[in-house]
Amino acid sequence: MTREGRRAARLAAASAATFLIWMGIWQGIATPPGTIRPAFAVAMLWVPILPALPMIFLGSRRAATWCSLIGVFYFGFAVMELVANPAAYAWAAAAMLLCLLMIGLQLRLVRLGPKRRG
């Protein structure tokens, strides 16, 4: 992998980790303890992307493609929270921006990552 590809992989992994941390803090605070355990809500948010993080850091184009695809659903979730929950406006707006950044950096990794052999 080229130097630029390694840099893209590090940035993509950092953006996905930052997004997951932000979503974890937001949902950990926003989830009422009486309805569902906040730790369970956070774990369910992390399940789709967390296993792909090490592969993204290593520059896997498939993992970056998966992360960008799942990021679209997270973006939809943030848009719905932005519209439906005015109290969480700042949290949802920041989540939308982080999600767009994550998707963009994942797609950059897909473009610059190692090519498939065969």
N, C-alpha and C. Protein backbone atom coordinates (compact mmCIF):
# COMPACT_ATOMS: atom_id res chain seq x y z
N MET A 1 0.84 -1.17 0.00
CA MET A 1 0.00 0.00 0.00
C MET A 1 0.89 1.24 0.00
N THR A 2 0.46 2.25 -0.69
CA THR A 2 1.24 3.47 -0.77
C THR A 2 1.14 4.25 0.54
N ARG A 3 1.98 5.25 0.64
CA ARG A 3 1.98 6.10 1.83
C ARG A 3 0.64 6.82 1.97
N GLU A 4 0.11 7.29 0.87
CA GLU A 4 -1.18 7.97 0.90
C GLU A 4 -2.31 7.00 1.29
N GLY A 5 -2.21 5.76 0.85
CA GLY A 5 -3.20 4.75 1.22
C GLY A 5 -3.16 4.43 2.70
N ARG A 6 -1.95 4.34 3.28
CA ARG A 6 -1.83 4.10 4.72
C ARG A 6 -2.40 5.27 5.52
N ARG A 7 -2.14 6.46 5.04
CA ARG A 7 -2.69 7.65 5.72
C ARG A 7 -4.21 7.66 5.63
N ALA A 8 -4.74 7.29 4.46
CA ALA A 8 -6.19 7.22 4.29
C ALA A 8 -6.79 6.17 5.23
N ALA A 9 -6.09 5.04 5.40
CA ALA A 9 -6.59 3.99 6.29
C ALA A 9 -6.61 4.46 7.74
N ARG A 10 -5.57 5.15 8.17
CA ARG A 10 -5.54 5.67 9.54
C ARG A 10 -6.64 6.69 9.77
N LEU A 11 -6.82 7.60 8.81
CA LEU A 11 -7.88 8.61 8.95
C LEU A 11 -9.27 7.97 8.94
N ALA A 12 -9.47 6.98 8.09
CA ALA A 12 -10.77 6.31 8.02
C ALA A 12 -11.07 5.59 9.33
N ALA A 13 -10.07 4.90 9.88
CA ALA A 13 -10.27 4.20 11.15
C ALA A 13 -10.51 5.19 12.29
N ALA A 14 -9.78 6.28 12.30
CA ALA A 14 -9.96 7.29 13.35
C ALA A 14 -11.34 7.94 13.27
N SER A 15 -11.81 8.20 12.04
CA SER A 15 -13.13 8.82 11.91
C SER A 15 -14.23 7.85 12.34
N ALA A 16 -14.10 6.57 12.01
CA ALA A 16 -15.11 5.59 12.44
C ALA A 16 -15.10 5.43 13.95
N ALA A 17 -13.91 5.40 14.55
CA ALA A 17 -13.82 5.28 16.01
C ALA A 17 -14.41 6.51 16.70
N THR A 18 -14.11 7.69 16.17
CA THR A 18 -14.66 8.92 16.73
C THR A 18 -16.17 8.94 16.64
N PHE A 19 -16.70 8.52 15.49
CA PHE A 19 -18.15 8.46 15.33
C PHE A 19 -18.77 7.49 16.32
N LEU A 20 -18.17 6.32 16.50
CA LEU A 20 -18.71 5.33 17.44
C LEU A 20 -18.66 5.85 18.87
N ILE A 21 -17.60 6.53 19.23
CA ILE A 21 -17.50 7.09 20.58
C ILE A 21 -18.57 8.16 20.78
N TRP A 22 -18.76 9.01 19.79
CA TRP A 22 -19.79 10.06 19.88
C TRP A 22 -21.18 9.45 20.04
N MET A 23 -21.48 8.45 19.20
CA MET A 23 -22.79 7.80 19.29
C MET A 23 -22.95 7.09 20.63
N GLY A 24 -21.87 6.49 21.13
CA GLY A 24 -21.95 5.81 22.42
C GLY A 24 -22.22 6.77 23.56
N ILE A 25 -21.55 7.91 23.55
CA ILE A 25 -21.79 8.91 24.60
C ILE A 25 -23.20 9.46 24.49
N TRP A 26 -23.63 9.79 23.28
CA TRP A 26 -24.96 10.35 23.07
C TRP A 26 -26.04 9.37 23.52
N GLN A 27 -25.98 8.14 23.05
CA GLN A 27 -27.02 7.18 23.40
C GLN A 27 -26.91 6.71 24.84
N GLY A 28 -25.71 6.70 25.38
CA GLY A 28 -25.55 6.36 26.79
C GLY A 28 -26.20 7.39 27.70
N ILE A 29 -26.14 8.65 27.29
CA ILE A 29 -26.77 9.72 28.07
C ILE A 29 -28.26 9.78 27.79
N ALA A 30 -28.65 9.59 26.54
CA ALA A 30 -30.04 9.79 26.13
C ALA A 30 -30.96 8.63 26.49
N THR A 31 -30.42 7.44 26.68
CA THR A 31 -31.26 6.28 26.95
C THR A 31 -31.71 6.28 28.40
N PRO A 32 -33.02 6.31 28.64
CA PRO A 32 -33.49 6.26 30.03
C PRO A 32 -33.22 4.87 30.63
N PRO A 33 -32.66 4.82 31.83
CA PRO A 33 -32.30 3.52 32.41
C PRO A 33 -33.50 2.59 32.65
N GLY A 34 -34.68 3.14 32.79
CA GLY A 34 -35.85 2.29 33.07
C GLY A 34 -36.34 1.51 31.86
N THR A 35 -36.08 1.99 30.65
CA THR A 35 -36.60 1.32 29.47
C THR A 35 -35.68 0.20 28.98
N ILE A 36 -34.41 0.50 28.82
CA ILE A 36 -33.42 -0.47 28.36
C ILE A 36 -32.09 -0.06 28.97
N ARG A 37 -31.24 -0.96 29.20
CA ARG A 37 -29.94 -0.61 29.78
C ARG A 37 -29.13 0.21 28.77
N PRO A 38 -28.59 1.36 29.20
CA PRO A 38 -27.80 2.18 28.27
C PRO A 38 -26.63 1.43 27.65
N ALA A 39 -25.99 0.53 28.40
CA ALA A 39 -24.87 -0.22 27.86
C ALA A 39 -25.32 -1.13 26.71
N PHE A 40 -26.51 -1.69 26.82
CA PHE A 40 -27.04 -2.53 25.75
C PHE A 40 -27.34 -1.70 24.51
N ALA A 41 -27.90 -0.50 24.70
CA ALA A 41 -28.19 0.38 23.56
C ALA A 41 -26.90 0.77 22.85
N VAL A 42 -25.88 1.09 23.60
CA VAL A 42 -24.59 1.46 23.01
C VAL A 42 -23.98 0.26 22.28
N ALA A 43 -24.04 -0.91 22.89
CA ALA A 43 -23.49 -2.11 22.25
C ALA A 43 -24.19 -2.40 20.92
N MET A 44 -25.48 -2.22 20.87
CA MET A 44 -26.21 -2.47 19.63
C MET A 44 -25.85 -1.46 18.54
N LEU A 45 -25.50 -0.25 18.94
CA LEU A 45 -25.04 0.74 17.96
C LEU A 45 -23.65 0.41 17.43
N TRP A 46 -22.83 -0.19 18.26
CA TRP A 46 -21.44 -0.47 17.87
C TRP A 46 -21.28 -1.75 17.08
N VAL A 47 -22.23 -2.68 17.19
CA VAL A 47 -22.08 -4.00 16.56
C VAL A 47 -21.79 -3.95 15.07
N PRO A 48 -22.44 -3.12 14.26
CA PRO A 48 -22.17 -3.17 12.82
C PRO A 48 -20.79 -2.67 12.41
N ILE A 49 -20.20 -1.74 13.13
CA ILE A 49 -18.95 -1.14 12.68
C ILE A 49 -17.73 -1.60 13.49
N LEU A 50 -17.89 -1.87 14.76
CA LEU A 50 -16.75 -2.18 15.61
C LEU A 50 -15.89 -3.35 15.11
N PRO A 51 -16.45 -4.45 14.62
CA PRO A 51 -15.58 -5.52 14.11
C PRO A 51 -14.76 -5.13 12.89
N ALA A 52 -15.22 -4.16 12.13
CA ALA A 52 -14.52 -3.74 10.92
C ALA A 52 -13.37 -2.77 11.20
N LEU A 53 -13.32 -2.17 12.38
CA LEU A 53 -12.30 -1.16 12.67
C LEU A 53 -10.87 -1.65 12.49
N PRO A 54 -10.48 -2.82 13.02
CA PRO A 54 -9.09 -3.25 12.79
C PRO A 54 -8.77 -3.47 11.32
N MET A 55 -9.74 -3.98 10.57
CA MET A 55 -9.50 -4.21 9.14
C MET A 55 -9.41 -2.89 8.38
N ILE A 56 -10.18 -1.90 8.81
CA ILE A 56 -10.10 -0.58 8.17
C ILE A 56 -8.72 0.02 8.45
N PHE A 57 -8.24 -0.13 9.68
CA PHE A 57 -6.92 0.40 10.03
C PHE A 57 -5.83 -0.24 9.18
N LEU A 58 -6.01 -1.51 8.83
CA LEU A 58 -5.03 -2.20 7.98
C LEU A 58 -5.22 -1.89 6.50
N GLY A 59 -6.30 -1.19 6.15
CA GLY A 59 -6.49 -0.76 4.78
C GLY A 59 -7.40 -1.64 3.94
N SER A 60 -8.26 -2.41 4.57
CA SER A 60 -9.16 -3.29 3.83
C SER A 60 -10.24 -2.48 3.10
N ARG A 61 -10.30 -2.66 1.81
CA ARG A 61 -11.30 -1.94 1.02
C ARG A 61 -12.70 -2.48 1.28
N ARG A 62 -12.81 -3.78 1.52
CA ARG A 62 -14.13 -4.36 1.82
C ARG A 62 -14.70 -3.82 3.12
N ALA A 63 -13.85 -3.74 4.14
CA ALA A 63 -14.31 -3.21 5.43
C ALA A 63 -14.70 -1.74 5.30
N ALA A 64 -13.96 -0.98 4.51
CA ALA A 64 -14.30 0.43 4.30
C ALA A 64 -15.60 0.56 3.53
N THR A 65 -15.82 -0.32 2.57
CA THR A 65 -17.08 -0.31 1.83
C THR A 65 -18.24 -0.64 2.76
N TRP A 66 -18.06 -1.64 3.61
CA TRP A 66 -19.09 -2.02 4.57
C TRP A 66 -19.38 -0.85 5.52
N CYS A 67 -18.35 -0.22 6.02
CA CYS A 67 -18.52 0.89 6.96
C CYS A 67 -19.24 2.07 6.31
N SER A 68 -18.91 2.36 5.07
CA SER A 68 -19.59 3.48 4.40
C SER A 68 -21.05 3.12 4.11
N LEU A 69 -21.33 1.87 3.79
CA LEU A 69 -22.71 1.44 3.56
C LEU A 69 -23.53 1.54 4.84
N ILE A 70 -22.99 1.06 5.94
CA ILE A 70 -23.69 1.13 7.22
C ILE A 70 -23.80 2.59 7.69
N GLY A 71 -22.82 3.40 7.34
CA GLY A 71 -22.86 4.81 7.71
C GLY A 71 -24.07 5.55 7.18
N VAL A 72 -24.59 5.11 6.04
CA VAL A 72 -25.80 5.72 5.49
C VAL A 72 -26.98 5.51 6.44
N PHE A 73 -27.07 4.34 7.05
CA PHE A 73 -28.16 4.08 8.00
C PHE A 73 -27.98 4.90 9.28
N TYR A 74 -26.75 5.04 9.73
CA TYR A 74 -26.50 5.90 10.89
C TYR A 74 -26.86 7.35 10.57
N PHE A 75 -26.57 7.78 9.36
CA PHE A 75 -26.94 9.14 8.95
C PHE A 75 -28.46 9.30 8.98
N GLY A 76 -29.18 8.30 8.49
CA GLY A 76 -30.64 8.34 8.54
C GLY A 76 -31.16 8.40 9.97
N PHE A 77 -30.53 7.65 10.86
CA PHE A 77 -30.91 7.70 12.27
C PHE A 77 -30.71 9.10 12.84
N ALA A 78 -29.58 9.73 12.51
CA ALA A 78 -29.31 11.07 13.02
C ALA A 78 -30.30 12.09 12.45
N VAL A 79 -30.67 11.93 11.19
CA VAL A 79 -31.66 12.84 10.59
C VAL A 79 -33.01 12.69 11.29
N MET A 80 -33.41 11.44 11.55
CA MET A 80 -34.69 11.22 12.23
C MET A 80 -34.67 11.81 13.64
N GLU A 81 -33.57 11.66 14.35
CA GLU A 81 -33.46 12.25 15.69
C GLU A 81 -33.48 13.77 15.61
N LEU A 82 -32.87 14.31 14.58
CA LEU A 82 -32.85 15.76 14.41
C LEU A 82 -34.26 16.30 14.22
N VAL A 83 -35.07 15.59 13.47
CA VAL A 83 -36.43 16.04 13.19
C VAL A 83 -37.38 15.73 14.36
N ALA A 84 -37.25 14.55 14.93
CA ALA A 84 -38.23 14.10 15.91
C ALA A 84 -37.94 14.54 17.34
N ASN A 85 -36.70 14.85 17.66
CA ASN A 85 -36.33 15.14 19.03
C ASN A 85 -35.59 16.47 19.11
N PRO A 86 -36.31 17.57 19.27
CA PRO A 86 -35.65 18.87 19.31
C PRO A 86 -34.66 19.02 20.47
N ALA A 87 -34.85 18.26 21.54
CA ALA A 87 -33.94 18.36 22.67
C ALA A 87 -32.55 17.83 22.33
N ALA A 88 -32.49 16.94 21.35
CA ALA A 88 -31.20 16.34 20.97
C ALA A 88 -30.65 16.96 19.69
N TYR A 89 -31.02 18.18 19.42
CA TYR A 89 -30.62 18.82 18.16
C TYR A 89 -29.10 18.88 18.00
N ALA A 90 -28.40 19.34 19.02
CA ALA A 90 -26.94 19.47 18.91
C ALA A 90 -26.27 18.11 18.78
N TRP A 91 -26.75 17.11 19.54
CA TRP A 91 -26.18 15.77 19.44
C TRP A 91 -26.37 15.19 18.05
N ALA A 92 -27.59 15.33 17.52
CA ALA A 92 -27.90 14.76 16.21
C ALA A 92 -27.16 15.49 15.10
N ALA A 93 -27.05 16.81 15.20
CA ALA A 93 -26.33 17.56 14.17
C ALA A 93 -24.85 17.17 14.15
N ALA A 94 -24.26 17.03 15.32
CA ALA A 94 -22.86 16.61 15.37
C ALA A 94 -22.69 15.19 14.85
N ALA A 95 -23.65 14.31 15.16
CA ALA A 95 -23.60 12.94 14.66
C ALA A 95 -23.70 12.92 13.13
N MET A 96 -24.53 13.78 12.58
CA MET A 96 -24.65 13.85 11.12
C MET A 96 -23.33 14.28 10.49
N LEU A 97 -22.71 15.30 11.05
CA LEU A 97 -21.44 15.76 10.50
C LEU A 97 -20.34 14.71 10.62
N LEU A 98 -20.26 14.06 11.78
CA LEU A 98 -19.27 13.00 11.96
C LEU A 98 -19.54 11.83 11.02
N CYS A 99 -20.80 11.53 10.80
CA CYS A 99 -21.16 10.43 9.90
C CYS A 99 -20.78 10.76 8.46
N LEU A 100 -21.04 11.97 8.03
CA LEU A 100 -20.64 12.36 6.67
C LEU A 100 -19.13 12.33 6.51
N LEU A 101 -18.41 12.78 7.53
CA LEU A 101 -16.95 12.71 7.49
C LEU A 101 -16.48 11.27 7.42
N MET A 102 -17.10 10.41 8.22
CA MET A 102 -16.73 9.00 8.22
C MET A 102 -16.98 8.37 6.85
N ILE A 103 -18.14 8.62 6.28
CA ILE A 103 -18.47 8.04 4.97
C ILE A 103 -17.48 8.54 3.91
N GLY A 104 -17.19 9.82 3.93
CA GLY A 104 -16.25 10.37 2.95
C GLY A 104 -14.86 9.77 3.07
N LEU A 105 -14.37 9.61 4.30
CA LEU A 105 -13.04 9.04 4.48
C LEU A 105 -13.01 7.55 4.16
N GLN A 106 -14.12 6.85 4.40
CA GLN A 106 -14.18 5.43 4.02
C GLN A 106 -14.14 5.29 2.49
N LEU A 107 -14.86 6.15 1.80
CA LEU A 107 -14.86 6.08 0.34
C LEU A 107 -13.49 6.47 -0.22
N ARG A 108 -12.81 7.37 0.45
CA ARG A 108 -11.44 7.71 0.03
C ARG A 108 -10.52 6.50 0.18
N LEU A 109 -10.69 5.75 1.27
CA LEU A 109 -9.90 4.55 1.46
C LEU A 109 -10.23 3.51 0.39
N VAL A 110 -11.49 3.40 0.02
CA VAL A 110 -11.87 2.45 -1.04
C VAL A 110 -11.15 2.82 -2.33
N ARG A 111 -11.04 4.10 -2.60
CA ARG A 111 -10.39 4.55 -3.82
C ARG A 111 -8.87 4.38 -3.77
N LEU A 112 -8.26 4.63 -2.60
CA LEU A 112 -6.81 4.61 -2.49
C LEU A 112 -6.23 3.32 -1.93
N GLY A 113 -7.08 2.45 -1.41
CA GLY A 113 -6.61 1.23 -0.77
C GLY A 113 -5.97 0.26 -1.75
N PRO A 114 -5.46 -0.86 -1.22
CA PRO A 114 -4.79 -1.83 -2.09
C PRO A 114 -5.77 -2.47 -3.07
N LYS A 115 -5.33 -2.67 -4.26
CA LYS A 115 -6.17 -3.28 -5.29
C LYS A 115 -6.21 -4.78 -5.08
N ARG A 116 -7.31 -5.39 -5.50
CA ARG A 116 -7.44 -6.85 -5.41
C ARG A 116 -6.55 -7.50 -6.44
N ARG A 117 -5.94 -8.57 -6.03
CA ARG A 117 -5.12 -9.34 -6.96
C ARG A 117 -5.97 -10.43 -7.58
N GLY A 118 -5.69 -10.69 -8.82
CA GLY A 118 -6.41 -11.81 -9.42
C GLY A 118 -6.89 -11.58 -10.79
